[in-house]
Amino acid sequence: MEDTFQPPFRSCVLDGNVASIMCSYNQVNGKPTCADPNLLSGVIRGEWKLNGYIVSDCDSVYEFFNRQHYTKTTEEAAATAILAGLDLNCGSFLGQHTEAAVKAGLVDMSNIDKAVSNNFATMMRLGFFDGDPTKQIYGNLGPKDVCTAENQDLAREAARQGIVLLKNNPGSLPLSPTSIKMLAVIGPNANATLTMIGNYQGIPCNYTTPLQGLTALVATAYHAGCYNVACDKAQVDDAKKVAASADAVVLVMGANGSIETEGFDRVDLLLPGQQSLLVTEVASVSKAPVILVIMSGGGMDVSFAKNNDKITSILWVGYPGEAGGAAIADVIFGYHNPSKCFYFTVFLIRMSETRKLKYYFSGGRLPMTWYPQSYVDKVPMTNMNMRADPSTGYPGRTYRFYTGETVYSFGDGLSYSTFEHKLVQAPEVVSVPLEEDHPCRFSKCISIDAVEKSCEDLAFDVHLKVENTGIMRGSHVVLLFYMPPSVHNSPRKHLVDFEKVLLDAKTATMVQFKVDVCKHLSINDEFGSRKVALGEHVLHIGSLNHSFTVRI
């Protein structure tokens, strides 16, 4: 919990000052999260000082009573949740049963007052009690404010920045619109609309499907290849006829809400049904290049395509939103350089603040590891252990701990440009000052606590020269990874920080990182305590590795 699951939430509360945290359906160590006072009141409200309210995932309280049988009565369930620190129930359960819980003496009014106060304080911050809402700053927003030209441009740019170029043989992408007389567009997601906006979606202003986006640039010949994403029986022969006469082929495959949505578990990591067969057969008769576009939320084992020289490029587009088809076309035809970028949402926020969003040329990197199908057989979905266990063959989870082979790794992503890094400044030794009577001065220690006074203001700078050695302008995100000593079952590596730069061709710039030793370089020991390991550490940036020693 301390090492993997809680850090993102801690960052949201402490660094992001969020107004709300939601507890989930599941149990942790036998206790429902929405009934856990140590988690809700102890950690979130106590240690992190949440300035807001805690809400349940919808019907979570009902779930831990009705399905998990955590309490015997509905009144006990309501009281348990409120006493744990829950302020608001998404659903009707607390509304139906809290009064009875009070009357039964299971929870008193002071606890109710506390929950109500947390909710009302947030409503006050939002202006709920400031008078006529139509006279407030956001009081007259409506549909007309959603579908503005600026917002539709933003949807297209968001989709561009989320596209990840995973494979690109020399001479493949970008395509030239003047040299393509006929482009074959094939696949069950080639003319997708609703699929592109995923689930929990809003109402789009309009759709631009991949087929429409590509047809706007060149002449196209279209064939779905499968009746639907499940692709129980691919129309291989018809698709091959379309592909054989085209100058290039774009295959838009992947998943949709029938496979990836709440309440459904994927049964494997492969492209559904006969999609792989369709891709392979079409590629076998096609003129190069053949571009495989994968529309999905999760990773896919596309080793067959990665290792097939006839499939010259692979793009992962996620579920790219209403303008996804236009964005796909922009990348394929080089109007947008899928330069190395990371977690596009962060950059949308940053760039919208500077109002320079539309002038940036950037693409994406994988936000998760793509595992081979064999991973499914080695990793029971009920096993939440992060670390590998060689004795059982368990390979671990995530880029931080996984020890097996990958199809594509966390952070992977190619560009139409090339970037080189040169380390300019980084320390060789970092000394941690300790008190005179500190026990580690008198006995050998493998680590020290990351909460001691010696951690205050203990930081160093890393300076890096980044050069765009390619022929296209592009943005590039420098990913600073850290590999700690092998103590306390430490991660294999960990992302410390990242910085984005925009560079014209044949230009360079300096990038600087401020590394806080106790925040960025600390690890959790076996008891969940943060520690700074002593010994050799390694900073990893692209192909650069820099070793330095942390000592007392």
Protein backbone atom coordinates (compact mmCIF):
# COMPACT_ATOMS: atom_id res chain seq x y z
CA MET A 1 0.00 0.00 0.00
CA GLU A 2 2.71 2.49 0.98
CA ASP A 3 4.98 1.55 -1.88
CA THR A 4 2.59 1.36 -4.84
CA PHE A 5 -1.09 2.04 -4.30
CA GLN A 6 -1.15 5.07 -2.01
CA PRO A 7 1.54 7.36 -3.51
CA PRO A 8 -0.66 8.63 -6.39
CA PHE A 9 -3.46 9.52 -3.98
CA ARG A 10 -1.03 11.07 -1.52
CA SER A 11 0.32 13.25 -4.31
CA CYS A 12 -3.18 14.31 -5.33
CA VAL A 13 -3.97 15.43 -1.78
CA LEU A 14 -0.63 16.91 -0.72
CA ASP A 15 0.60 18.30 -4.04
CA GLY A 16 -2.66 18.80 -5.91
CA ASN A 17 -4.91 19.93 -3.03
CA VAL A 18 -7.85 17.92 -4.36
CA ALA A 19 -11.28 18.49 -2.84
CA SER A 20 -12.36 14.85 -2.70
CA ILE A 21 -11.15 11.28 -2.44
CA MET A 22 -13.32 8.28 -3.37
CA CYS A 23 -13.11 4.95 -1.54
CA SER A 24 -13.60 1.85 -3.66
CA TYR A 25 -15.69 -1.33 -3.60
CA ASN A 26 -12.96 -3.75 -2.70
CA GLN A 27 -11.52 -4.93 0.58
CA VAL A 28 -7.90 -4.43 1.59
CA ASN A 29 -6.60 -6.95 4.09
CA GLY A 30 -10.15 -8.09 4.77
CA LYS A 31 -11.67 -4.65 5.36
CA PRO A 32 -13.81 -2.66 2.87
CA THR A 33 -12.05 0.60 2.03
CA CYS A 34 -15.24 2.58 2.73
CA ALA A 35 -15.36 1.03 6.21
CA ASP A 36 -11.71 1.45 7.12
CA PRO A 37 -11.09 4.18 9.73
CA ASN A 38 -7.32 3.75 9.47
CA LEU A 39 -7.45 4.57 5.76
CA LEU A 40 -10.17 7.25 5.69
CA SER A 41 -9.72 9.05 9.01
CA GLY A 42 -6.17 7.97 9.80
CA VAL A 43 -4.35 8.38 6.51
CA ILE A 44 -6.46 10.55 4.20
CA ARG A 45 -7.95 12.93 6.74
CA GLY A 46 -5.24 12.59 9.39
CA GLU A 47 -1.81 12.20 7.79
CA TRP A 48 -2.60 13.89 4.48
CA LYS A 49 -4.93 16.57 5.91
CA LEU A 50 -7.54 16.33 3.15
CA ASN A 51 -9.32 19.67 2.82
CA GLY A 52 -12.59 18.38 1.44
CA TYR A 53 -14.86 15.35 1.59
CA ILE A 54 -14.57 11.58 1.21
CA VAL A 55 -17.16 9.92 -1.03
CA SER A 56 -17.91 6.28 -1.75
CA ASP A 57 -17.80 4.72 -5.16
CA CYS A 58 -21.43 4.29 -6.15
CA ASP A 59 -23.23 1.78 -3.91
CA SER A 60 -20.02 0.73 -2.15
CA VAL A 61 -21.71 0.77 1.26
CA TYR A 62 -24.56 -1.34 -0.11
CA GLU A 63 -21.98 -3.69 -1.59
CA PHE A 64 -20.08 -4.32 1.62
CA PHE A 65 -23.37 -5.05 3.40
CA ASN A 66 -25.23 -7.00 0.73
CA ARG A 67 -22.46 -8.89 -1.09
CA GLN A 68 -19.48 -8.89 1.22
CA HIS A 69 -21.63 -9.39 4.35
CA TYR A 70 -19.25 -7.23 6.35
CA THR A 71 -22.07 -6.14 8.70
CA LYS A 72 -25.20 -7.94 9.83
CA THR A 73 -27.66 -5.06 9.37
CA THR A 74 -28.12 -2.06 7.14
CA GLU A 75 -27.93 0.25 10.16
CA GLU A 76 -24.56 -1.21 11.14
CA ALA A 77 -23.30 -0.69 7.60
CA ALA A 78 -24.34 2.96 7.58
CA ALA A 79 -22.81 3.59 11.00
CA THR A 80 -19.59 1.75 10.15
CA ALA A 81 -19.05 3.87 7.03
CA ILE A 82 -19.72 7.17 8.76
CA LEU A 83 -17.58 6.31 11.77
CA ALA A 84 -14.76 5.30 9.43
CA GLY A 85 -14.79 8.81 7.96
CA LEU A 86 -17.10 8.60 4.94
CA ASP A 87 -18.80 11.95 4.32
CA LEU A 88 -20.93 11.24 1.26
CA ASN A 89 -22.47 8.09 -0.24
CA CYS A 90 -22.83 7.86 -4.00
CA GLY A 91 -26.14 6.04 -4.06
CA SER A 92 -29.14 5.91 -1.74
CA PHE A 93 -27.92 3.64 1.06
CA LEU A 94 -26.95 6.24 3.67
CA GLY A 95 -30.01 8.29 2.84
CA GLN A 96 -32.19 5.28 3.58
CA HIS A 97 -30.49 3.87 6.67
CA THR A 98 -28.54 6.56 8.56
CA GLU A 99 -31.53 7.84 10.56
CA ALA A 100 -32.21 4.32 11.82
CA ALA A 101 -28.53 3.96 12.74
CA VAL A 102 -28.74 7.15 14.82
CA LYS A 103 -31.92 6.04 16.55
CA ALA A 104 -30.32 2.68 17.33
CA GLY A 105 -27.43 4.46 19.01
CA LEU A 106 -24.87 3.10 16.53
CA VAL A 107 -23.67 6.57 15.53
CA ASP A 108 -24.28 9.92 17.21
CA MET A 109 -25.13 13.32 15.76
CA SER A 110 -21.61 14.69 16.17
CA ASN A 111 -20.42 12.21 13.53
CA ILE A 112 -23.28 13.24 11.25
CA ASP A 113 -22.45 16.90 11.78
CA LYS A 114 -18.82 16.26 10.87
CA ALA A 115 -19.76 14.58 7.59
CA VAL A 116 -22.33 17.25 6.70
CA SER A 117 -19.82 20.00 7.50
CA ASN A 118 -17.21 18.50 5.18
CA ASN A 119 -19.76 18.35 2.37
CA PHE A 120 -21.15 21.84 2.94
CA ALA A 121 -17.69 23.40 3.23
CA THR A 122 -16.89 22.11 -0.24
CA MET A 123 -20.20 23.39 -1.58
CA MET A 124 -19.38 26.80 -0.13
CA ARG A 125 -16.02 26.79 -1.87
CA LEU A 126 -17.87 26.04 -5.09
CA GLY A 127 -20.23 29.01 -4.62
CA PHE A 128 -23.44 27.08 -3.99
CA PHE A 129 -24.59 29.69 -1.45
CA ASP A 130 -23.47 32.84 -3.24
CA GLY A 131 -26.89 33.78 -4.57
CA ASP A 132 -28.41 33.52 -8.03
CA PRO A 133 -26.16 31.06 -9.91
CA THR A 134 -26.85 32.74 -13.26
CA LYS A 135 -25.12 35.85 -11.93
CA GLN A 136 -21.97 33.96 -10.96
CA ILE A 137 -18.88 33.52 -13.12
CA TYR A 138 -19.95 30.15 -14.57
CA GLY A 139 -23.68 30.68 -14.24
CA ASN A 140 -24.56 30.81 -17.93
CA LEU A 141 -22.42 28.07 -19.39
CA GLY A 142 -24.25 25.69 -21.69
CA PRO A 143 -23.89 23.52 -24.80
CA LYS A 144 -22.87 26.56 -26.85
CA ASP A 145 -19.72 26.80 -24.74
CA VAL A 146 -18.77 23.17 -25.30
CA CYS A 147 -18.68 22.91 -29.07
CA THR A 148 -16.65 26.02 -29.78
CA ALA A 149 -14.00 25.89 -32.47
CA GLU A 150 -11.34 26.23 -29.79
CA ASN A 151 -12.65 23.26 -27.82
CA GLN A 152 -12.94 21.10 -30.92
CA ASP A 153 -9.35 21.99 -31.79
CA LEU A 154 -8.45 20.99 -28.24
CA ALA A 155 -10.12 17.60 -28.72
CA ARG A 156 -8.03 17.04 -31.84
CA GLU A 157 -4.83 18.11 -30.11
CA ALA A 158 -5.54 15.91 -27.08
CA ALA A 159 -5.99 12.96 -29.41
CA ARG A 160 -2.76 13.76 -31.25
CA GLN A 161 -0.80 13.90 -28.02
CA GLY A 162 -2.17 10.58 -26.85
CA ILE A 163 -1.04 8.63 -29.93
CA VAL A 164 2.00 6.42 -29.40
CA LEU A 165 4.23 5.32 -32.27
CA LEU A 166 5.49 1.88 -31.28
CA LYS A 167 7.07 0.63 -34.51
CA ASN A 168 8.23 2.44 -37.63
CA ASN A 169 10.46 0.76 -40.17
CA PRO A 170 12.65 3.08 -42.27
CA GLY A 171 10.70 4.55 -45.15
CA SER A 172 7.31 3.86 -43.61
CA LEU A 173 5.77 6.81 -41.75
CA PRO A 174 4.98 9.54 -42.33
CA LEU A 175 3.19 8.89 -45.60
CA SER A 176 3.23 11.50 -48.33
CA PRO A 177 -0.29 12.55 -49.42
CA THR A 178 1.01 13.26 -52.92
CA SER A 179 2.44 9.78 -53.41
CA ILE A 180 -0.59 7.86 -52.16
CA LYS A 181 -3.11 7.49 -54.97
CA MET A 182 -5.25 4.98 -53.10
CA LEU A 183 -5.13 4.12 -49.40
CA ALA A 184 -6.79 0.96 -48.14
CA VAL A 185 -8.50 1.47 -44.77
CA ILE A 186 -9.45 -1.84 -43.17
CA GLY A 187 -10.64 -3.04 -39.79
CA PRO A 188 -13.60 -3.17 -37.41
CA ASN A 189 -12.58 0.14 -35.80
CA ALA A 190 -11.79 1.90 -39.07
CA ASN A 191 -15.14 3.69 -39.11
CA ALA A 192 -15.64 3.75 -35.33
CA THR A 193 -17.60 6.51 -33.64
CA LEU A 194 -18.88 5.62 -30.15
CA THR A 195 -15.87 3.35 -29.59
CA MET A 196 -13.54 6.35 -29.79
CA ILE A 197 -14.98 8.08 -26.74
CA GLY A 198 -14.64 5.07 -24.41
CA ASN A 199 -16.97 4.78 -21.44
CA TYR A 200 -18.12 7.31 -18.84
CA GLN A 201 -18.21 9.62 -21.81
CA GLY A 202 -19.88 12.91 -22.53
CA ILE A 203 -21.90 13.83 -25.60
CA PRO A 204 -19.52 14.60 -28.49
CA CYS A 205 -19.99 17.65 -30.67
CA ASN A 206 -19.41 15.45 -33.72
CA TYR A 207 -17.30 12.48 -34.73
CA THR A 208 -14.40 12.21 -37.13
CA THR A 209 -13.80 8.51 -37.67
CA PRO A 210 -10.40 7.18 -38.78
CA LEU A 211 -11.86 6.55 -42.23
CA GLN A 212 -13.18 10.11 -42.45
CA GLY A 213 -9.91 11.59 -41.22
CA LEU A 214 -7.87 9.68 -43.80
CA THR A 215 -10.36 10.26 -46.62
CA ALA A 216 -10.05 14.00 -46.04
CA LEU A 217 -6.41 13.74 -47.12
CA VAL A 218 -6.29 11.03 -49.81
CA ALA A 219 -8.56 8.72 -51.79
CA THR A 220 -9.47 5.64 -49.79
CA ALA A 221 -10.94 2.18 -50.28
CA TYR A 222 -12.66 0.81 -47.18
CA HIS A 223 -13.50 -2.66 -45.91
CA ALA A 224 -14.42 -3.49 -42.30
CA GLY A 225 -12.79 -6.92 -42.48
CA CYS A 226 -14.94 -8.11 -39.54
CA TYR A 227 -18.61 -7.59 -38.71
CA ASN A 228 -17.60 -6.28 -35.29
CA VAL A 229 -14.65 -6.06 -32.91
CA ALA A 230 -15.22 -9.63 -31.69
CA CYS A 231 -14.27 -10.67 -35.25
CA ASP A 232 -15.57 -14.23 -34.96
CA LYS A 233 -15.09 -14.66 -38.69
CA ALA A 234 -12.91 -12.28 -40.66
CA GLN A 235 -13.69 -11.50 -44.32
CA VAL A 236 -10.09 -12.11 -45.22
CA ASP A 237 -10.44 -12.58 -49.00
CA ASP A 238 -12.43 -9.38 -49.55
CA ALA A 239 -10.06 -7.37 -47.38
CA LYS A 240 -7.03 -8.73 -49.24
CA LYS A 241 -8.52 -7.64 -52.57
CA VAL A 242 -8.90 -4.09 -51.29
CA ALA A 243 -5.36 -4.06 -49.88
CA ALA A 244 -3.62 -5.60 -52.87
CA SER A 245 -4.40 -2.71 -55.20
CA ALA A 246 -3.65 0.10 -52.72
CA ASP A 247 -0.45 2.11 -52.34
CA ALA A 248 -0.53 1.65 -48.56
CA VAL A 249 -2.77 0.06 -45.95
CA VAL A 250 -4.05 1.29 -42.61
CA LEU A 251 -5.53 -1.45 -40.43
CA VAL A 252 -7.59 -0.08 -37.52
CA MET A 253 -8.07 -2.90 -35.03
CA GLY A 254 -8.38 -3.33 -31.26
CA ALA A 255 -11.15 -3.39 -28.69
CA ASN A 256 -14.29 -1.51 -27.64
CA GLY A 257 -16.75 -1.35 -24.76
CA SER A 258 -17.97 -4.87 -25.35
CA ILE A 259 -14.53 -6.10 -24.23
CA GLU A 260 -13.12 -3.31 -22.08
CA THR A 261 -15.67 -1.86 -19.69
CA GLU A 262 -16.77 -2.04 -16.08
CA GLY A 263 -18.19 -5.45 -15.30
CA PHE A 264 -16.16 -7.29 -17.95
CA ASP A 265 -12.76 -8.95 -17.65
CA ARG A 266 -10.68 -9.56 -20.74
CA VAL A 267 -9.83 -13.24 -21.04
CA ASP A 268 -6.50 -12.74 -22.80
CA LEU A 269 -4.09 -10.11 -24.10
CA LEU A 270 -4.49 -10.91 -27.79
CA LEU A 271 -6.36 -8.98 -30.44
CA PRO A 272 -9.96 -10.27 -30.31
CA GLY A 273 -11.15 -13.14 -32.47
CA GLN A 274 -9.58 -13.38 -35.91
CA GLN A 275 -8.17 -9.85 -35.94
CA SER A 276 -4.58 -11.12 -35.92
CA LEU A 277 -5.35 -13.42 -38.84
CA LEU A 278 -6.89 -10.53 -40.76
CA VAL A 279 -3.88 -8.30 -40.13
CA THR A 280 -1.37 -10.96 -41.15
CA GLU A 281 -3.21 -11.99 -44.31
CA VAL A 282 -3.77 -8.41 -45.46
CA ALA A 283 -0.11 -7.56 -44.84
CA SER A 284 1.01 -10.55 -46.89
CA VAL A 285 -0.50 -9.13 -50.10
CA SER A 286 -0.05 -5.43 -49.45
CA LYS A 287 2.43 -3.00 -50.87
CA ALA A 288 4.55 -1.41 -48.13
CA PRO A 289 3.86 0.38 -45.92
CA VAL A 290 1.28 -1.37 -43.74
CA ILE A 291 0.25 0.60 -40.66
CA LEU A 292 -1.45 -1.18 -37.78
CA VAL A 293 -3.53 1.15 -35.61
CA ILE A 294 -4.69 -0.28 -32.28
CA MET A 295 -7.66 1.28 -30.53
CA SER A 296 -7.85 0.02 -26.95
CA GLY A 297 -7.63 1.04 -23.33
CA GLY A 298 -5.27 -1.70 -22.21
CA GLY A 299 -2.18 -3.34 -23.61
CA MET A 300 -2.23 -5.98 -26.33
CA ASP A 301 0.16 -8.77 -27.21
CA VAL A 302 0.91 -7.79 -30.79
CA SER A 303 4.19 -9.67 -30.99
CA PHE A 304 3.06 -11.18 -34.28
CA ALA A 305 2.92 -7.69 -35.81
CA LYS A 306 6.00 -6.37 -34.07
CA ASN A 307 8.04 -9.22 -35.56
CA ASN A 308 6.45 -9.12 -39.02
CA ASP A 309 8.51 -7.01 -41.44
CA LYS A 310 5.49 -6.62 -43.73
CA ILE A 311 3.79 -4.63 -40.96
CA THR A 312 5.93 -1.54 -41.10
CA SER A 313 4.37 0.65 -38.41
CA ILE A 314 2.29 0.24 -35.26
CA LEU A 315 0.33 3.01 -33.59
CA TRP A 316 -1.56 2.80 -30.30
CA VAL A 317 -4.26 5.46 -30.13
CA GLY A 318 -6.13 4.50 -26.96
CA TYR A 319 -9.74 5.65 -27.19
CA PRO A 320 -8.90 8.98 -28.81
CA GLY A 321 -12.17 10.91 -28.49
CA GLU A 322 -14.46 12.56 -30.99
CA ALA A 323 -11.63 13.95 -33.14
CA GLY A 324 -9.60 10.75 -33.01
CA GLY A 325 -9.87 10.02 -36.72
CA ALA A 326 -8.49 13.42 -37.67
CA ALA A 327 -5.64 13.02 -35.19
CA ILE A 328 -4.74 9.57 -36.54
CA ALA A 329 -4.58 11.01 -40.05
CA ASP A 330 -2.46 13.93 -38.83
CA VAL A 331 0.13 11.53 -37.43
CA ILE A 332 0.12 9.08 -40.33
CA PHE A 333 0.66 11.84 -42.89
CA GLY A 334 3.20 13.80 -40.85
CA TYR A 335 1.14 16.89 -40.07
CA HIS A 336 1.87 16.02 -36.48
CA ASN A 337 5.18 14.62 -35.26
CA PRO A 338 4.58 11.94 -32.60
CA SER A 339 7.55 13.20 -30.69
CA LYS A 340 8.37 11.75 -27.37
CA CYS A 341 5.92 12.93 -24.79
CA PHE A 342 4.51 11.53 -21.56
CA TYR A 343 1.09 11.49 -19.90
CA PHE A 344 -0.55 13.91 -22.27
CA THR A 345 -3.12 15.10 -19.72
CA VAL A 346 -0.37 16.79 -17.73
CA PHE A 347 0.80 18.66 -20.78
CA LEU A 348 -2.71 19.70 -21.73
CA ILE A 349 -3.00 21.37 -18.35
CA ARG A 350 0.40 23.01 -18.60
CA MET A 351 -0.03 24.19 -22.15
CA SER A 352 -3.57 25.44 -21.73
CA GLU A 353 -2.23 27.67 -18.97
CA THR A 354 0.20 29.27 -21.42
CA ARG A 355 -2.35 29.31 -24.24
CA LYS A 356 0.23 27.77 -26.58
CA LEU A 357 -1.37 24.36 -26.87
CA LYS A 358 -1.96 24.37 -30.62
CA TYR A 359 1.65 25.29 -31.36
CA TYR A 360 3.13 22.21 -29.72
CA PHE A 361 4.03 19.14 -31.72
CA SER A 362 4.09 16.17 -29.45
CA GLY A 363 2.95 12.60 -29.22
CA GLY A 364 2.78 9.98 -26.55
CA ARG A 365 4.52 7.26 -24.68
CA LEU A 366 3.00 4.14 -23.25
CA PRO A 367 1.57 4.74 -19.77
CA MET A 368 1.66 1.00 -19.05
CA THR A 369 3.68 -2.09 -19.88
CA TRP A 370 2.35 -4.37 -22.64
CA TYR A 371 2.87 -7.94 -21.50
CA PRO A 372 2.98 -11.12 -23.62
CA GLN A 373 0.06 -13.54 -23.49
CA SER A 374 2.14 -15.89 -21.31
CA TYR A 375 1.86 -13.28 -18.54
CA VAL A 376 -1.81 -14.21 -18.11
CA ASP A 377 -0.83 -17.76 -17.20
CA LYS A 378 1.81 -16.64 -14.69
CA VAL A 379 -0.09 -13.90 -12.88
CA PRO A 380 -3.40 -14.72 -11.17
CA MET A 381 -5.53 -11.59 -11.13
CA THR A 382 -6.16 -12.18 -7.43
CA ASN A 383 -2.44 -11.84 -6.67
CA MET A 384 -1.73 -8.18 -6.02
CA ASN A 385 1.93 -8.66 -5.06
CA MET A 386 4.10 -6.24 -6.97
CA ARG A 387 7.47 -7.93 -6.52
CA ALA A 388 8.69 -10.94 -8.47
CA ASP A 389 9.04 -14.29 -6.71
CA PRO A 390 11.62 -16.49 -8.47
CA SER A 391 10.68 -19.49 -6.33
CA THR A 392 7.21 -19.64 -7.87
CA GLY A 393 7.95 -18.10 -11.26
CA TYR A 394 5.82 -15.06 -10.43
CA PRO A 395 7.28 -12.23 -12.58
CA GLY A 396 5.97 -9.23 -10.65
CA ARG A 397 3.90 -6.29 -11.84
CA THR A 398 4.55 -2.94 -13.54
CA TYR A 399 7.78 -1.57 -14.95
CA ARG A 400 9.04 -1.03 -11.40
CA PHE A 401 9.16 -4.73 -10.50
CA TYR A 402 8.35 -6.89 -13.54
CA THR A 403 11.24 -9.17 -14.52
CA GLY A 404 9.84 -10.92 -17.60
CA GLU A 405 9.84 -10.17 -21.31
CA THR A 406 7.63 -7.37 -22.60
CA VAL A 407 5.93 -6.67 -25.91
CA TYR A 408 6.37 -2.94 -25.32
CA SER A 409 7.49 -1.27 -22.11
CA PHE A 410 6.23 1.57 -19.98
CA GLY A 411 7.50 4.81 -21.50
CA ASP A 412 8.07 3.41 -25.01
CA GLY A 413 7.28 5.71 -27.92
CA LEU A 414 9.01 6.69 -31.15
CA SER A 415 9.25 9.98 -32.99
CA TYR A 416 9.83 11.21 -36.53
CA SER A 417 12.75 13.10 -35.01
CA THR A 418 15.78 11.79 -33.13
CA PHE A 419 17.02 13.20 -29.85
CA GLU A 420 20.35 12.85 -28.10
CA HIS A 421 21.20 13.44 -24.44
CA LYS A 422 24.48 14.59 -22.95
CA LEU A 423 24.98 14.70 -19.20
CA VAL A 424 26.48 18.03 -18.15
CA GLN A 425 26.18 17.97 -14.37
CA ALA A 426 25.35 15.32 -11.78
CA PRO A 427 26.99 14.41 -8.48
CA GLU A 428 29.41 11.57 -7.92
CA VAL A 429 28.76 11.48 -4.17
CA VAL A 430 25.81 12.59 -2.04
CA SER A 431 26.56 12.86 1.68
CA VAL A 432 23.75 12.63 4.20
CA PRO A 433 24.52 14.58 7.38
CA LEU A 434 23.68 12.67 10.56
CA GLU A 435 23.58 13.69 14.18
CA GLU A 436 26.70 12.86 16.21
CA ASP A 437 24.90 10.18 18.20
CA HIS A 438 23.09 8.59 15.25
CA PRO A 439 23.37 4.78 15.52
CA CYS A 440 24.50 4.48 11.88
CA ARG A 441 27.71 6.25 12.87
CA PHE A 442 28.60 3.30 15.07
CA SER A 443 27.24 0.32 13.14
CA LYS A 444 26.86 -0.55 9.47
CA CYS A 445 23.49 0.53 8.02
CA ILE A 446 22.03 -0.26 4.61
CA SER A 447 19.61 2.68 4.79
CA ILE A 448 18.48 5.59 6.91
CA ASP A 449 14.99 6.91 7.65
CA ALA A 450 13.71 9.35 5.05
CA VAL A 451 11.94 11.45 7.66
CA GLU A 452 14.92 12.53 9.72
CA LYS A 453 16.19 16.10 10.01
CA SER A 454 19.12 15.07 7.87
CA CYS A 455 16.68 14.91 4.94
CA GLU A 456 15.77 18.57 5.09
CA ASP A 457 16.98 20.47 2.02
CA LEU A 458 19.01 17.49 0.86
CA ALA A 459 18.87 17.81 -2.93
CA PHE A 460 21.06 18.04 -5.99
CA ASP A 461 20.79 19.25 -9.59
CA VAL A 462 21.04 17.23 -12.77
CA HIS A 463 21.83 19.23 -15.92
CA LEU A 464 21.35 17.67 -19.33
CA LYS A 465 21.88 18.85 -22.88
CA VAL A 466 19.13 17.66 -25.24
CA GLU A 467 19.58 17.95 -29.01
CA ASN A 468 17.11 17.35 -31.82
CA THR A 469 19.33 15.64 -34.39
CA GLY A 470 16.46 14.95 -36.78
CA ILE A 471 14.99 16.94 -39.65
CA MET A 472 11.58 17.71 -38.10
CA ARG A 473 10.58 20.06 -35.33
CA GLY A 474 9.28 18.17 -32.35
CA SER A 475 8.80 18.04 -28.63
CA HIS A 476 10.61 15.56 -26.46
CA VAL A 477 10.14 14.55 -22.88
CA VAL A 478 13.23 13.61 -20.94
CA LEU A 479 12.39 10.79 -18.54
CA LEU A 480 14.58 10.66 -15.45
CA PHE A 481 14.58 7.14 -14.00
CA TYR A 482 16.33 6.01 -10.85
CA MET A 483 17.71 2.58 -10.01
CA PRO A 484 18.35 2.12 -6.26
CA PRO A 485 20.65 -0.36 -4.54
CA SER A 486 19.20 -3.84 -4.04
CA VAL A 487 18.02 -3.46 -0.45
CA HIS A 488 14.55 -3.78 1.11
CA ASN A 489 13.30 -5.51 -2.07
CA SER A 490 13.63 -2.18 -3.83
CA PRO A 491 12.14 -1.50 -7.29
CA ARG A 492 14.24 -2.29 -10.34
CA LYS A 493 13.76 1.31 -11.42
CA HIS A 494 11.43 4.20 -10.75
CA LEU A 495 10.40 7.33 -12.65
CA VAL A 496 11.66 10.32 -10.69
CA ASP A 497 10.70 13.24 -12.92
CA PHE A 498 10.22 14.31 -16.51
CA GLU A 499 10.63 17.52 -18.44
CA LYS A 500 9.30 18.49 -21.85
CA VAL A 501 11.20 20.51 -24.43
CA LEU A 502 10.22 21.76 -27.88
CA LEU A 503 13.09 21.84 -30.35
CA ASP A 504 13.52 22.81 -33.96
CA ALA A 505 15.58 20.45 -36.09
CA LYS A 506 19.32 20.57 -35.37
CA THR A 507 18.91 22.64 -32.22
CA ALA A 508 19.65 21.91 -28.56
CA THR A 509 18.65 23.10 -25.12
CA MET A 510 19.49 22.51 -21.47
CA VAL A 511 17.20 20.58 -19.13
CA GLN A 512 17.54 20.77 -15.37
CA PHE A 513 16.12 18.45 -12.72
CA LYS A 514 16.08 19.15 -9.00
CA VAL A 515 16.33 15.78 -7.24
CA ASP A 516 15.17 15.69 -3.63
CA VAL A 517 17.08 12.78 -2.11
CA CYS A 518 14.54 11.81 0.56
CA LYS A 519 11.47 12.38 -1.64
CA HIS A 520 12.63 11.10 -5.00
CA LEU A 521 15.27 8.52 -4.11
CA SER A 522 13.67 6.90 -1.08
CA ILE A 523 12.16 3.44 -1.06
CA ASN A 524 9.84 1.54 1.26
CA ASP A 525 11.24 -1.10 3.54
CA GLU A 526 9.44 -4.30 4.50
CA PHE A 527 7.38 -2.43 7.12
CA GLY A 528 6.22 0.37 4.83
CA SER A 529 8.64 2.97 6.18
CA ARG A 530 10.41 5.31 3.79
CA LYS A 531 14.17 4.77 3.64
CA VAL A 532 17.12 6.24 1.77
CA ALA A 533 19.36 3.39 0.71
CA LEU A 534 23.08 3.81 1.22
CA GLY A 535 25.42 2.70 -1.54
CA GLU A 536 25.53 2.99 -5.32
CA HIS A 537 22.54 4.54 -7.09
CA VAL A 538 22.04 4.97 -10.83
CA LEU A 539 20.25 7.72 -12.74
CA HIS A 540 18.94 6.52 -16.10
CA ILE A 541 18.06 8.95 -18.90
CA GLY A 542 17.51 7.47 -22.34
CA SER A 543 20.72 5.58 -23.11
CA LEU A 544 22.64 7.40 -20.37
CA ASN A 545 23.47 5.81 -17.04
CA HIS A 546 25.11 7.82 -14.28
CA SER A 547 26.24 6.16 -11.05
CA PHE A 548 26.67 8.01 -7.78
CA THR A 549 27.10 7.04 -4.17
CA VAL A 550 24.88 7.99 -1.24
CA ARG A 551 26.78 7.83 2.03
CA ILE A 552 26.68 9.24 5.53
